[in-house]
Amino acid sequence: QVQLVESGGGLVQPGGSLRLSCAASGTIFSIYAMAWYRQPPGKQRELVAVATSSGSTNYADSVKGRFTISRDNAKNTVYLQMNSLKPEDTAVYYCNADIRTWGGRSDYWGQGTQVTVSS
């Protein structure tokens, strides 16, 4: 059984910073891409950033230059450093990972962490 556990959300003022973490645990053979998605209130879930196992990264246009995704492969952990936060960044942020276990390769999701940007 694989679990993704997120942490680091909270309330921050506009212009502030937060760092999200997501740790994968369980019987894991390989982790391929790891990503962050978000779902603003009343809107659909959207991709924020993705980091492949080879180290390449990609970002949504709305967060380029402000957010940074990184991985610690030894800890099966992905991070999202969020700077210069704006009210429109308010959302539930979800971790996603493409993981191979003894049962095969599947997509896994974290439980979500709330990020609120407000003065």
N, C-alpha and C. Protein backbone atom coordinates (compact mmCIF):
# COMPACT_ATOMS: atom_id res chain seq x y z
N GLN A 1 0.85 -1.19 0.00
CA GLN A 1 0.00 0.00 0.00
C GLN A 1 0.88 1.24 0.00
N VAL A 2 0.65 2.13 -0.95
CA VAL A 2 1.42 3.36 -1.06
C VAL A 2 0.59 4.52 -0.52
N GLN A 3 1.24 5.38 0.23
CA GLN A 3 0.59 6.60 0.71
C GLN A 3 1.42 7.81 0.35
N LEU A 4 0.74 8.90 0.00
CA LEU A 4 1.37 10.19 -0.20
C LEU A 4 0.83 11.12 0.88
N VAL A 5 1.73 11.66 1.69
CA VAL A 5 1.32 12.52 2.79
C VAL A 5 1.90 13.91 2.57
N GLU A 6 1.00 14.89 2.47
CA GLU A 6 1.39 16.27 2.23
C GLU A 6 1.43 17.05 3.53
N SER A 7 2.24 18.10 3.54
CA SER A 7 2.28 19.02 4.67
C SER A 7 2.75 20.38 4.18
N GLY A 8 2.53 21.40 5.01
CA GLY A 8 3.07 22.72 4.71
C GLY A 8 2.07 23.77 4.28
N GLY A 9 0.81 23.40 4.13
CA GLY A 9 -0.18 24.39 3.74
C GLY A 9 -0.50 25.33 4.89
N GLY A 10 -1.31 26.35 4.59
CA GLY A 10 -1.70 27.28 5.63
C GLY A 10 -2.17 28.59 5.06
N LEU A 11 -2.26 29.57 5.95
CA LEU A 11 -2.69 30.92 5.59
C LEU A 11 -1.48 31.83 5.49
N VAL A 12 -1.39 32.57 4.39
CA VAL A 12 -0.25 33.47 4.19
C VAL A 12 -0.75 34.74 3.53
N GLN A 13 -0.07 35.84 3.81
CA GLN A 13 -0.44 37.12 3.19
C GLN A 13 0.07 37.20 1.76
N PRO A 14 -0.57 38.00 0.94
CA PRO A 14 -0.06 38.20 -0.43
C PRO A 14 1.40 38.65 -0.40
N GLY A 15 2.18 38.06 -1.31
CA GLY A 15 3.61 38.35 -1.34
C GLY A 15 4.44 37.41 -0.49
N GLY A 16 3.78 36.62 0.32
CA GLY A 16 4.48 35.70 1.21
C GLY A 16 4.89 34.41 0.52
N SER A 17 5.46 33.52 1.34
CA SER A 17 5.98 32.25 0.83
C SER A 17 5.48 31.08 1.67
N LEU A 18 5.38 29.93 1.03
CA LEU A 18 5.09 28.67 1.70
C LEU A 18 5.87 27.57 1.00
N ARG A 19 6.17 26.52 1.75
CA ARG A 19 6.81 25.35 1.17
C ARG A 19 5.98 24.11 1.47
N LEU A 20 5.53 23.46 0.43
CA LEU A 20 4.77 22.22 0.58
C LEU A 20 5.71 21.02 0.44
N SER A 21 5.41 19.98 1.20
CA SER A 21 6.16 18.73 1.11
C SER A 21 5.19 17.58 0.88
N CYS A 22 5.67 16.56 0.20
CA CYS A 22 4.86 15.36 -0.03
C CYS A 22 5.80 14.16 0.01
N ALA A 23 5.56 13.27 0.97
CA ALA A 23 6.41 12.10 1.13
C ALA A 23 5.63 10.85 0.75
N ALA A 24 6.24 10.02 -0.08
CA ALA A 24 5.64 8.75 -0.47
C ALA A 24 6.20 7.65 0.41
N SER A 25 5.31 6.76 0.86
CA SER A 25 5.74 5.64 1.70
C SER A 25 5.04 4.37 1.25
N GLY A 26 5.64 3.24 1.64
CA GLY A 26 5.10 1.95 1.24
C GLY A 26 6.16 1.14 0.52
N THR A 27 5.74 0.04 -0.07
CA THR A 27 6.67 -0.81 -0.82
C THR A 27 6.78 -0.27 -2.23
N ILE A 28 7.78 0.58 -2.43
CA ILE A 28 7.96 1.31 -3.68
C ILE A 28 9.18 0.79 -4.42
N PHE A 29 8.99 0.41 -5.67
CA PHE A 29 10.12 -0.01 -6.50
C PHE A 29 10.75 1.18 -7.21
N SER A 30 9.90 2.00 -7.84
CA SER A 30 10.38 3.17 -8.57
C SER A 30 9.33 4.27 -8.52
N ILE A 31 9.82 5.51 -8.51
CA ILE A 31 8.93 6.67 -8.65
C ILE A 31 9.31 7.39 -9.92
N TYR A 32 8.39 7.57 -10.81
CA TYR A 32 8.63 8.26 -12.06
C TYR A 32 8.32 9.74 -11.85
N ALA A 33 7.38 10.31 -12.56
CA ALA A 33 7.08 11.73 -12.36
C ALA A 33 6.39 11.98 -11.02
N MET A 34 6.71 13.11 -10.42
CA MET A 34 6.00 13.60 -9.23
C MET A 34 5.52 15.00 -9.56
N ALA A 35 4.32 15.31 -9.11
CA ALA A 35 3.72 16.57 -9.54
C ALA A 35 2.86 17.17 -8.43
N TRP A 36 2.59 18.45 -8.59
CA TRP A 36 1.64 19.16 -7.75
C TRP A 36 0.50 19.67 -8.62
N TYR A 37 -0.71 19.44 -8.15
CA TYR A 37 -1.92 19.98 -8.76
C TYR A 37 -2.59 20.87 -7.73
N ARG A 38 -3.52 21.69 -8.19
CA ARG A 38 -4.32 22.47 -7.26
C ARG A 38 -5.75 22.60 -7.78
N GLN A 39 -6.65 22.80 -6.84
CA GLN A 39 -8.06 22.98 -7.17
C GLN A 39 -8.58 24.20 -6.44
N PRO A 40 -8.70 25.33 -7.15
CA PRO A 40 -9.26 26.54 -6.52
C PRO A 40 -10.74 26.34 -6.23
N PRO A 41 -11.30 27.13 -5.33
CA PRO A 41 -12.72 26.99 -4.99
C PRO A 41 -13.61 27.13 -6.23
N GLY A 42 -14.48 26.15 -6.45
CA GLY A 42 -15.42 26.20 -7.55
C GLY A 42 -14.83 25.95 -8.92
N LYS A 43 -13.55 25.53 -8.96
CA LYS A 43 -12.91 25.31 -10.26
C LYS A 43 -12.37 23.88 -10.36
N GLN A 44 -11.93 23.53 -11.56
CA GLN A 44 -11.38 22.19 -11.77
C GLN A 44 -9.93 22.11 -11.29
N ARG A 45 -9.51 20.90 -11.03
CA ARG A 45 -8.13 20.66 -10.65
C ARG A 45 -7.22 20.96 -11.84
N GLU A 46 -6.08 21.59 -11.56
CA GLU A 46 -5.13 21.95 -12.62
C GLU A 46 -3.71 21.59 -12.22
N LEU A 47 -2.90 21.30 -13.23
CA LEU A 47 -1.50 20.99 -12.99
C LEU A 47 -0.74 22.27 -12.66
N VAL A 48 0.07 22.21 -11.60
CA VAL A 48 0.90 23.35 -11.20
C VAL A 48 2.34 23.15 -11.66
N ALA A 49 2.90 21.98 -11.33
CA ALA A 49 4.30 21.73 -11.66
C ALA A 49 4.54 20.23 -11.64
N VAL A 50 5.51 19.80 -12.45
CA VAL A 50 5.86 18.39 -12.51
C VAL A 50 7.38 18.25 -12.57
N ALA A 51 7.89 17.21 -11.92
CA ALA A 51 9.32 16.90 -11.93
C ALA A 51 9.48 15.43 -12.29
N THR A 52 10.24 15.17 -13.34
CA THR A 52 10.45 13.78 -13.74
C THR A 52 11.58 13.15 -12.94
N SER A 53 11.73 11.85 -13.07
CA SER A 53 12.79 11.15 -12.35
C SER A 53 14.17 11.54 -12.87
N SER A 54 14.24 12.05 -14.09
CA SER A 54 15.53 12.45 -14.66
C SER A 54 15.90 13.88 -14.28
N GLY A 55 14.97 14.58 -13.61
CA GLY A 55 15.30 15.91 -13.13
C GLY A 55 14.70 17.07 -13.91
N SER A 56 14.04 16.79 -15.01
CA SER A 56 13.42 17.88 -15.75
C SER A 56 12.15 18.34 -15.04
N THR A 57 11.83 19.61 -15.24
CA THR A 57 10.66 20.21 -14.59
C THR A 57 9.83 20.99 -15.60
N ASN A 58 8.57 21.17 -15.25
CA ASN A 58 7.69 21.96 -16.09
C ASN A 58 6.67 22.63 -15.19
N TYR A 59 6.23 23.84 -15.60
CA TYR A 59 5.35 24.63 -14.74
C TYR A 59 4.17 25.19 -15.53
N ALA A 60 3.08 25.39 -14.82
CA ALA A 60 1.98 26.15 -15.40
C ALA A 60 2.44 27.59 -15.61
N ASP A 61 1.94 28.22 -16.66
CA ASP A 61 2.36 29.60 -16.95
C ASP A 61 2.07 30.53 -15.76
N SER A 62 1.00 30.26 -15.05
CA SER A 62 0.58 31.14 -13.97
C SER A 62 1.53 31.15 -12.77
N VAL A 63 2.42 30.15 -12.68
CA VAL A 63 3.32 30.08 -11.53
C VAL A 63 4.79 30.17 -11.91
N LYS A 64 5.08 30.22 -13.19
CA LYS A 64 6.48 30.30 -13.63
C LYS A 64 7.18 31.51 -13.03
N GLY A 65 8.38 31.27 -12.52
CA GLY A 65 9.15 32.35 -11.91
C GLY A 65 8.83 32.58 -10.45
N ARG A 66 7.74 31.97 -9.96
CA ARG A 66 7.36 32.14 -8.54
C ARG A 66 7.44 30.83 -7.76
N PHE A 67 7.12 29.73 -8.40
CA PHE A 67 7.12 28.42 -7.74
C PHE A 67 8.30 27.59 -8.24
N THR A 68 8.81 26.74 -7.35
CA THR A 68 9.89 25.82 -7.73
C THR A 68 9.57 24.43 -7.18
N ILE A 69 9.58 23.45 -8.07
CA ILE A 69 9.38 22.06 -7.66
C ILE A 69 10.74 21.39 -7.57
N SER A 70 10.91 20.56 -6.55
CA SER A 70 12.16 19.83 -6.40
C SER A 70 11.87 18.47 -5.77
N ARG A 71 12.83 17.56 -5.90
CA ARG A 71 12.66 16.21 -5.38
C ARG A 71 13.88 15.81 -4.58
N ASP A 72 13.63 14.99 -3.56
CA ASP A 72 14.68 14.29 -2.85
C ASP A 72 14.39 12.81 -3.07
N ASN A 73 15.03 12.22 -4.05
CA ASN A 73 14.71 10.84 -4.42
C ASN A 73 15.08 9.85 -3.31
N ALA A 74 16.07 10.16 -2.52
CA ALA A 74 16.45 9.28 -1.43
C ALA A 74 15.36 9.20 -0.37
N LYS A 75 14.56 10.27 -0.27
CA LYS A 75 13.48 10.32 0.72
C LYS A 75 12.11 10.13 0.09
N ASN A 76 12.07 9.87 -1.21
CA ASN A 76 10.79 9.73 -1.93
C ASN A 76 9.87 10.93 -1.66
N THR A 77 10.45 12.09 -1.70
CA THR A 77 9.74 13.32 -1.33
C THR A 77 9.84 14.36 -2.44
N VAL A 78 8.73 15.06 -2.63
CA VAL A 78 8.69 16.18 -3.57
C VAL A 78 8.28 17.43 -2.81
N TYR A 79 8.85 18.55 -3.21
CA TYR A 79 8.58 19.83 -2.56
C TYR A 79 8.04 20.83 -3.57
N LEU A 80 7.32 21.81 -3.06
CA LEU A 80 6.90 22.93 -3.88
C LEU A 80 7.16 24.20 -3.08
N GLN A 81 8.17 24.94 -3.50
CA GLN A 81 8.46 26.23 -2.89
C GLN A 81 7.64 27.29 -3.62
N MET A 82 6.80 27.98 -2.87
CA MET A 82 5.90 28.97 -3.47
C MET A 82 6.26 30.35 -2.92
N ASN A 83 6.70 31.23 -3.80
CA ASN A 83 7.07 32.60 -3.43
C ASN A 83 6.13 33.59 -4.11
N SER A 84 6.15 34.81 -3.63
CA SER A 84 5.33 35.89 -4.21
C SER A 84 3.88 35.43 -4.40
N LEU A 85 3.34 34.85 -3.36
CA LEU A 85 1.99 34.28 -3.47
C LEU A 85 0.94 35.36 -3.69
N LYS A 86 -0.06 34.98 -4.47
CA LYS A 86 -1.16 35.88 -4.83
C LYS A 86 -2.48 35.28 -4.34
N PRO A 87 -3.49 36.10 -4.14
CA PRO A 87 -4.79 35.55 -3.72
C PRO A 87 -5.31 34.47 -4.68
N GLU A 88 -5.01 34.59 -5.95
CA GLU A 88 -5.46 33.58 -6.92
C GLU A 88 -4.74 32.25 -6.80
N ASP A 89 -3.73 32.18 -5.97
CA ASP A 89 -3.08 30.90 -5.69
C ASP A 89 -3.83 30.10 -4.62
N THR A 90 -4.84 30.71 -4.03
CA THR A 90 -5.64 30.01 -3.03
C THR A 90 -6.30 28.78 -3.63
N ALA A 91 -6.07 27.63 -3.01
CA ALA A 91 -6.57 26.36 -3.54
C ALA A 91 -6.21 25.23 -2.58
N VAL A 92 -6.80 24.08 -2.83
CA VAL A 92 -6.31 22.85 -2.21
C VAL A 92 -5.23 22.29 -3.13
N TYR A 93 -4.07 22.05 -2.59
CA TYR A 93 -2.94 21.55 -3.38
C TYR A 93 -2.80 20.05 -3.14
N TYR A 94 -2.67 19.32 -4.24
CA TYR A 94 -2.57 17.86 -4.20
C TYR A 94 -1.25 17.39 -4.79
N CYS A 95 -0.66 16.43 -4.13
CA CYS A 95 0.54 15.77 -4.63
C CYS A 95 0.11 14.57 -5.47
N ASN A 96 0.84 14.33 -6.54
CA ASN A 96 0.57 13.20 -7.42
C ASN A 96 1.89 12.53 -7.78
N ALA A 97 1.88 11.20 -7.85
CA ALA A 97 3.11 10.49 -8.20
C ALA A 97 2.78 9.24 -9.01
N ASP A 98 3.63 8.98 -9.98
CA ASP A 98 3.55 7.80 -10.84
C ASP A 98 4.54 6.78 -10.26
N ILE A 99 4.00 5.70 -9.65
CA ILE A 99 4.83 4.82 -8.83
C ILE A 99 4.68 3.37 -9.27
N ARG A 100 5.79 2.67 -9.30
CA ARG A 100 5.77 1.23 -9.54
C ARG A 100 5.95 0.50 -8.22
N THR A 101 5.01 -0.41 -7.94
CA THR A 101 5.08 -1.27 -6.77
C THR A 101 5.07 -2.71 -7.24
N TRP A 102 4.97 -3.64 -6.30
CA TRP A 102 4.93 -5.05 -6.70
C TRP A 102 3.72 -5.34 -7.55
N GLY A 103 2.67 -4.52 -7.41
CA GLY A 103 1.44 -4.74 -8.15
C GLY A 103 1.41 -4.09 -9.51
N GLY A 104 2.46 -3.36 -9.86
CA GLY A 104 2.48 -2.69 -11.15
C GLY A 104 2.66 -1.20 -10.99
N ARG A 105 2.43 -0.48 -12.08
CA ARG A 105 2.63 0.96 -12.11
C ARG A 105 1.29 1.68 -12.06
N SER A 106 1.15 2.64 -11.12
CA SER A 106 -0.12 3.34 -10.93
C SER A 106 0.12 4.79 -10.54
N ASP A 107 -0.96 5.54 -10.65
CA ASP A 107 -0.98 6.95 -10.23
C ASP A 107 -1.51 7.03 -8.80
N TYR A 108 -0.85 7.81 -7.95
CA TYR A 108 -1.28 7.96 -6.58
C TYR A 108 -1.47 9.44 -6.26
N TRP A 109 -2.41 9.70 -5.34
CA TRP A 109 -2.73 11.07 -4.93
C TRP A 109 -2.63 11.23 -3.42
N GLY A 110 -2.19 12.41 -3.00
CA GLY A 110 -2.25 12.76 -1.59
C GLY A 110 -3.64 13.24 -1.22
N GLN A 111 -3.82 13.54 0.06
CA GLN A 111 -5.13 13.91 0.56
C GLN A 111 -5.45 15.39 0.34
N GLY A 112 -4.44 16.17 -0.02
CA GLY A 112 -4.63 17.59 -0.26
C GLY A 112 -4.29 18.43 0.96
N THR A 113 -3.76 19.62 0.70
CA THR A 113 -3.46 20.56 1.76
C THR A 113 -3.94 21.95 1.32
N GLN A 114 -4.60 22.65 2.23
CA GLN A 114 -5.19 23.94 1.89
C GLN A 114 -4.14 25.05 1.94
N VAL A 115 -4.10 25.84 0.90
CA VAL A 115 -3.28 27.06 0.87
C VAL A 115 -4.22 28.24 0.66
N THR A 116 -4.18 29.17 1.59
CA THR A 116 -5.03 30.37 1.50
C THR A 116 -4.14 31.60 1.53
N VAL A 117 -4.28 32.43 0.50
CA VAL A 117 -3.50 33.66 0.39
C VAL A 117 -4.47 34.83 0.57
N SER A 118 -4.34 35.50 1.70
CA SER A 118 -5.29 36.56 2.03
C SER A 118 -4.68 37.51 3.04
N SER A 119 -5.06 38.76 2.94
CA SER A 119 -4.62 39.74 3.92
C SER A 119 -5.66 39.88 5.04
